[in-house]
């Protein structure tokens, strides 16, 4: 439904019967892709009501989920640079992320 880098529209749905903070995500072709997670929707909805400019681009998807990148106040949006993994011996190691 979307290719990485395509714009998406974030539409608040204050009359949504399940979540008054719901924000629907639509592709540039007008197809609804889903909703933002509720904890993100509350924060992004608050910023939107404060008059902050909010935009999004499609980043990627799996069989069961998709993700978008959101920018505020007309910041440039760009997909992250994907670093090729280094081959170590005969296998590809998993990325190691810091514990926070």
N, C-alpha and C. Protein backbone atom coordinates (compact mmCIF):
# COMPACT_ATOMS: atom_id res chain seq x y z
N UNK A 1 0.80 -1.20 0.00
CA UNK A 1 0.00 0.00 0.00
C UNK A 1 0.85 1.26 0.00
N UNK A 2 2.07 1.17 0.50
CA UNK A 2 2.97 2.32 0.55
C UNK A 2 4.39 1.84 0.28
N UNK A 3 5.18 2.74 -0.23
CA UNK A 3 6.61 2.49 -0.39
C UNK A 3 7.35 3.35 0.62
N UNK A 4 8.50 2.87 1.11
CA UNK A 4 9.27 3.68 2.05
C UNK A 4 9.56 5.07 1.49
N UNK A 5 9.31 6.08 2.33
CA UNK A 5 9.55 7.47 1.94
C UNK A 5 8.31 8.20 1.47
N UNK A 6 7.21 7.48 1.20
CA UNK A 6 5.99 8.16 0.75
C UNK A 6 5.33 8.87 1.92
N UNK A 7 4.71 10.03 1.66
CA UNK A 7 4.04 10.75 2.75
C UNK A 7 2.80 10.01 3.23
N UNK A 8 2.50 10.16 4.50
CA UNK A 8 1.26 9.65 5.08
C UNK A 8 0.55 10.81 5.77
N UNK A 9 -0.76 10.68 5.89
CA UNK A 9 -1.55 11.70 6.57
C UNK A 9 -1.99 11.17 7.92
N UNK A 10 -1.84 11.99 8.94
CA UNK A 10 -2.26 11.64 10.29
C UNK A 10 -3.55 12.40 10.59
N UNK A 11 -4.66 11.66 10.76
CA UNK A 11 -5.97 12.27 10.97
C UNK A 11 -6.50 11.95 12.37
N UNK A 12 -6.60 12.97 13.23
CA UNK A 12 -7.21 12.74 14.55
C UNK A 12 -8.66 12.31 14.39
N UNK A 13 -9.12 11.42 15.26
CA UNK A 13 -10.50 10.94 15.26
C UNK A 13 -11.10 11.12 16.67
N UNK A 14 -11.43 12.35 17.04
CA UNK A 14 -11.94 12.59 18.40
C UNK A 14 -13.28 11.91 18.68
N UNK A 15 -14.01 11.50 17.65
CA UNK A 15 -15.30 10.82 17.86
C UNK A 15 -15.16 9.30 17.77
N UNK A 16 -13.94 8.78 17.74
CA UNK A 16 -13.71 7.35 17.70
C UNK A 16 -14.32 6.73 18.96
N UNK A 17 -15.21 5.73 18.81
CA UNK A 17 -15.90 5.18 19.99
C UNK A 17 -14.99 4.38 20.93
N UNK A 18 -13.81 3.99 20.48
CA UNK A 18 -12.91 3.19 21.31
C UNK A 18 -11.80 4.00 21.97
N UNK A 19 -11.43 5.13 21.33
CA UNK A 19 -10.33 5.94 21.86
C UNK A 19 -10.48 7.37 21.37
N UNK A 20 -10.80 8.28 22.27
CA UNK A 20 -11.00 9.68 21.88
C UNK A 20 -9.72 10.35 21.39
N UNK A 21 -8.56 9.72 21.66
CA UNK A 21 -7.28 10.26 21.23
C UNK A 21 -6.77 9.60 19.95
N UNK A 22 -7.57 8.74 19.34
CA UNK A 22 -7.13 7.97 18.17
C UNK A 22 -6.67 8.88 17.03
N UNK A 23 -5.59 8.46 16.39
CA UNK A 23 -5.09 9.15 15.19
C UNK A 23 -4.92 8.09 14.11
N UNK A 24 -5.70 8.21 13.05
CA UNK A 24 -5.63 7.28 11.93
C UNK A 24 -4.50 7.67 11.00
N UNK A 25 -3.90 6.67 10.36
CA UNK A 25 -2.82 6.88 9.41
C UNK A 25 -3.32 6.49 8.03
N UNK A 26 -3.25 7.44 7.07
CA UNK A 26 -3.69 7.21 5.71
C UNK A 26 -2.52 7.34 4.75
N UNK A 27 -2.51 6.48 3.73
CA UNK A 27 -1.47 6.56 2.70
C UNK A 27 -1.72 7.77 1.82
N UNK A 28 -0.75 8.07 0.96
CA UNK A 28 -0.91 9.19 0.03
C UNK A 28 -1.99 8.89 -1.02
N UNK A 29 -2.48 7.65 -1.07
CA UNK A 29 -3.54 7.26 -1.99
C UNK A 29 -4.91 7.25 -1.30
N UNK A 30 -4.94 7.67 -0.03
CA UNK A 30 -6.19 7.75 0.71
C UNK A 30 -6.63 6.45 1.36
N UNK A 31 -5.75 5.44 1.42
CA UNK A 31 -6.08 4.16 2.03
C UNK A 31 -5.67 4.20 3.50
N UNK A 32 -6.60 3.82 4.40
CA UNK A 32 -6.26 3.81 5.81
C UNK A 32 -5.34 2.63 6.09
N UNK A 33 -4.16 2.95 6.67
CA UNK A 33 -3.17 1.93 7.01
C UNK A 33 -3.36 1.40 8.42
N UNK A 34 -3.95 2.19 9.29
CA UNK A 34 -4.15 1.78 10.67
C UNK A 34 -4.19 2.99 11.57
N UNK A 35 -3.75 2.78 12.82
CA UNK A 35 -3.76 3.84 13.83
C UNK A 35 -2.40 3.91 14.51
N UNK A 36 -2.09 5.11 15.02
CA UNK A 36 -0.91 5.23 15.87
C UNK A 36 -1.18 4.52 17.18
N UNK A 37 -0.12 4.05 17.84
CA UNK A 37 -0.29 3.48 19.17
C UNK A 37 -0.90 4.53 20.07
N UNK A 38 -1.73 4.11 21.00
CA UNK A 38 -2.48 5.07 21.82
C UNK A 38 -1.58 6.01 22.62
N UNK A 39 -0.46 5.49 23.17
CA UNK A 39 0.40 6.39 23.95
C UNK A 39 1.06 7.44 23.07
N UNK A 40 1.35 7.12 21.83
CA UNK A 40 1.91 8.10 20.89
C UNK A 40 0.83 9.07 20.43
N UNK A 41 -0.38 8.56 20.22
CA UNK A 41 -1.47 9.39 19.73
C UNK A 41 -1.81 10.51 20.71
N UNK A 42 -1.78 10.23 21.99
CA UNK A 42 -2.08 11.27 22.99
C UNK A 42 -1.06 12.39 22.88
N UNK A 43 0.21 12.04 22.81
CA UNK A 43 1.29 13.04 22.74
C UNK A 43 1.23 13.82 21.43
N UNK A 44 1.10 13.13 20.31
CA UNK A 44 1.07 13.80 19.00
C UNK A 44 -0.20 14.64 18.87
N UNK A 45 -1.33 14.13 19.37
CA UNK A 45 -2.57 14.90 19.33
C UNK A 45 -2.47 16.19 20.13
N UNK A 46 -1.81 16.12 21.29
CA UNK A 46 -1.62 17.32 22.11
C UNK A 46 -0.79 18.36 21.36
N UNK A 47 0.30 17.92 20.73
CA UNK A 47 1.12 18.85 19.96
C UNK A 47 0.34 19.45 18.79
N UNK A 48 -0.48 18.64 18.14
CA UNK A 48 -1.29 19.13 17.02
C UNK A 48 -2.27 20.20 17.49
N UNK A 49 -2.94 19.96 18.62
CA UNK A 49 -3.89 20.95 19.15
C UNK A 49 -3.19 22.24 19.58
N UNK A 50 -1.90 22.16 19.89
CA UNK A 50 -1.14 23.35 20.25
C UNK A 50 -0.70 24.14 19.02
N UNK A 51 -1.05 23.63 17.83
CA UNK A 51 -0.73 24.34 16.60
C UNK A 51 0.58 23.93 15.95
N UNK A 52 1.22 22.90 16.46
CA UNK A 52 2.48 22.44 15.86
C UNK A 52 2.18 21.74 14.55
N UNK A 53 3.00 21.99 13.53
CA UNK A 53 2.87 21.31 12.24
C UNK A 53 3.39 19.88 12.39
N UNK A 54 2.59 18.92 11.96
CA UNK A 54 2.96 17.51 12.09
C UNK A 54 2.83 16.84 10.74
N UNK A 55 3.86 16.11 10.35
CA UNK A 55 3.83 15.37 9.08
C UNK A 55 4.45 14.01 9.29
N UNK A 56 4.18 13.10 8.36
CA UNK A 56 4.72 11.76 8.51
C UNK A 56 5.08 11.15 7.16
N UNK A 57 5.99 10.18 7.20
CA UNK A 57 6.33 9.39 6.02
C UNK A 57 6.31 7.92 6.41
N UNK A 58 5.99 7.10 5.44
CA UNK A 58 5.98 5.66 5.64
C UNK A 58 7.42 5.16 5.67
N UNK A 59 7.73 4.33 6.65
CA UNK A 59 9.10 3.82 6.74
C UNK A 59 9.20 2.35 6.34
N UNK A 60 8.32 1.51 6.83
CA UNK A 60 8.42 0.10 6.48
C UNK A 60 7.30 -0.70 7.10
N UNK A 61 7.28 -2.01 6.78
CA UNK A 61 6.22 -2.88 7.28
C UNK A 61 6.71 -4.31 7.39
N UNK A 62 6.02 -5.06 8.24
CA UNK A 62 6.18 -6.51 8.32
C UNK A 62 4.81 -7.10 8.02
N UNK A 63 4.66 -8.38 8.18
CA UNK A 63 3.37 -9.02 7.91
C UNK A 63 2.28 -8.56 8.88
N UNK A 64 2.68 -8.12 10.09
CA UNK A 64 1.68 -7.77 11.10
C UNK A 64 1.73 -6.33 11.60
N UNK A 65 2.67 -5.54 11.13
CA UNK A 65 2.79 -4.16 11.63
C UNK A 65 3.46 -3.28 10.59
N UNK A 66 3.32 -1.99 10.79
CA UNK A 66 4.00 -1.01 9.93
C UNK A 66 4.46 0.14 10.82
N UNK A 67 5.38 0.92 10.34
CA UNK A 67 5.83 2.07 11.12
C UNK A 67 6.03 3.26 10.21
N UNK A 68 5.80 4.43 10.80
CA UNK A 68 5.96 5.71 10.11
C UNK A 68 6.90 6.58 10.92
N UNK A 69 7.51 7.53 10.25
CA UNK A 69 8.35 8.53 10.93
C UNK A 69 7.55 9.82 10.96
N UNK A 70 7.52 10.45 12.11
CA UNK A 70 6.75 11.68 12.29
C UNK A 70 7.72 12.83 12.56
N UNK A 71 7.45 13.97 11.93
CA UNK A 71 8.27 15.16 12.13
C UNK A 71 7.38 16.31 12.59
N UNK A 72 7.96 17.23 13.32
CA UNK A 72 7.23 18.36 13.87
C UNK A 72 7.82 19.67 13.36
N UNK A 73 6.95 20.66 13.21
CA UNK A 73 7.36 22.02 12.85
C UNK A 73 8.19 22.06 11.56
N UNK A 74 7.74 21.31 10.56
CA UNK A 74 8.35 21.32 9.23
C UNK A 74 9.79 20.86 9.21
N UNK A 75 10.20 20.05 10.17
CA UNK A 75 11.54 19.46 10.12
C UNK A 75 11.65 18.57 8.90
N UNK A 76 12.85 18.45 8.37
CA UNK A 76 13.07 17.56 7.24
C UNK A 76 12.83 16.13 7.67
N UNK A 77 12.20 15.39 6.79
CA UNK A 77 11.98 13.97 7.06
C UNK A 77 12.85 13.17 6.12
N UNK A 78 13.51 12.21 6.66
CA UNK A 78 14.34 11.32 5.85
C UNK A 78 14.35 9.96 6.51
N UNK A 79 14.42 8.94 5.68
CA UNK A 79 14.54 7.60 6.21
C UNK A 79 15.94 7.41 6.76
N UNK A 80 16.09 6.60 7.80
CA UNK A 80 17.43 6.38 8.34
C UNK A 80 18.29 5.63 7.31
N UNK A 81 19.57 5.89 7.37
CA UNK A 81 20.51 5.19 6.50
C UNK A 81 20.70 3.78 7.05
N UNK A 82 20.51 2.81 6.19
CA UNK A 82 20.67 1.42 6.61
C UNK A 82 22.12 1.02 6.41
N UNK A 83 22.75 0.63 7.52
CA UNK A 83 24.16 0.22 7.45
C UNK A 83 24.23 -1.25 7.10
N UNK A 84 25.06 -1.61 6.14
CA UNK A 84 25.20 -3.04 5.86
C UNK A 84 25.88 -3.73 7.03
N UNK A 85 25.43 -4.94 7.31
CA UNK A 85 26.04 -5.69 8.40
C UNK A 85 27.37 -6.26 7.94
N UNK A 86 28.28 -6.34 8.87
CA UNK A 86 29.58 -6.93 8.57
C UNK A 86 29.51 -8.44 8.78
N UNK A 87 30.08 -9.15 7.85
CA UNK A 87 30.10 -10.60 7.98
C UNK A 87 31.24 -11.00 8.90
N UNK A 88 30.94 -11.85 9.86
CA UNK A 88 31.95 -12.34 10.78
C UNK A 88 31.99 -13.86 10.62
N UNK A 89 33.05 -14.35 10.03
CA UNK A 89 33.14 -15.79 9.81
C UNK A 89 32.06 -16.25 8.86
N UNK A 90 31.30 -17.23 9.30
CA UNK A 90 30.26 -17.82 8.46
C UNK A 90 28.84 -17.41 8.86
N UNK A 91 28.70 -16.39 9.73
CA UNK A 91 27.35 -15.99 10.14
C UNK A 91 27.26 -14.47 10.20
N UNK A 92 26.02 -13.98 10.25
CA UNK A 92 25.75 -12.55 10.38
C UNK A 92 25.29 -12.29 11.80
N UNK A 93 26.07 -11.57 12.60
CA UNK A 93 25.67 -11.34 14.00
C UNK A 93 24.47 -10.41 14.09
N UNK A 94 23.70 -10.60 15.15
CA UNK A 94 22.58 -9.69 15.41
C UNK A 94 23.12 -8.37 15.93
N UNK A 95 22.38 -7.29 15.66
CA UNK A 95 22.75 -6.00 16.22
C UNK A 95 22.65 -6.05 17.73
N UNK A 96 23.54 -5.34 18.42
CA UNK A 96 23.51 -5.27 19.86
C UNK A 96 23.08 -3.85 20.22
N UNK A 97 21.97 -3.75 20.94
CA UNK A 97 21.44 -2.44 21.31
C UNK A 97 21.76 -2.15 22.77
N UNK A 98 21.97 -0.89 23.11
CA UNK A 98 22.28 -0.54 24.49
C UNK A 98 21.06 -0.74 25.39
N UNK A 99 21.31 -1.09 26.65
CA UNK A 99 20.23 -1.22 27.63
C UNK A 99 19.97 0.16 28.24
N UNK A 100 18.73 0.58 28.21
CA UNK A 100 18.37 1.86 28.82
C UNK A 100 17.49 1.64 29.98
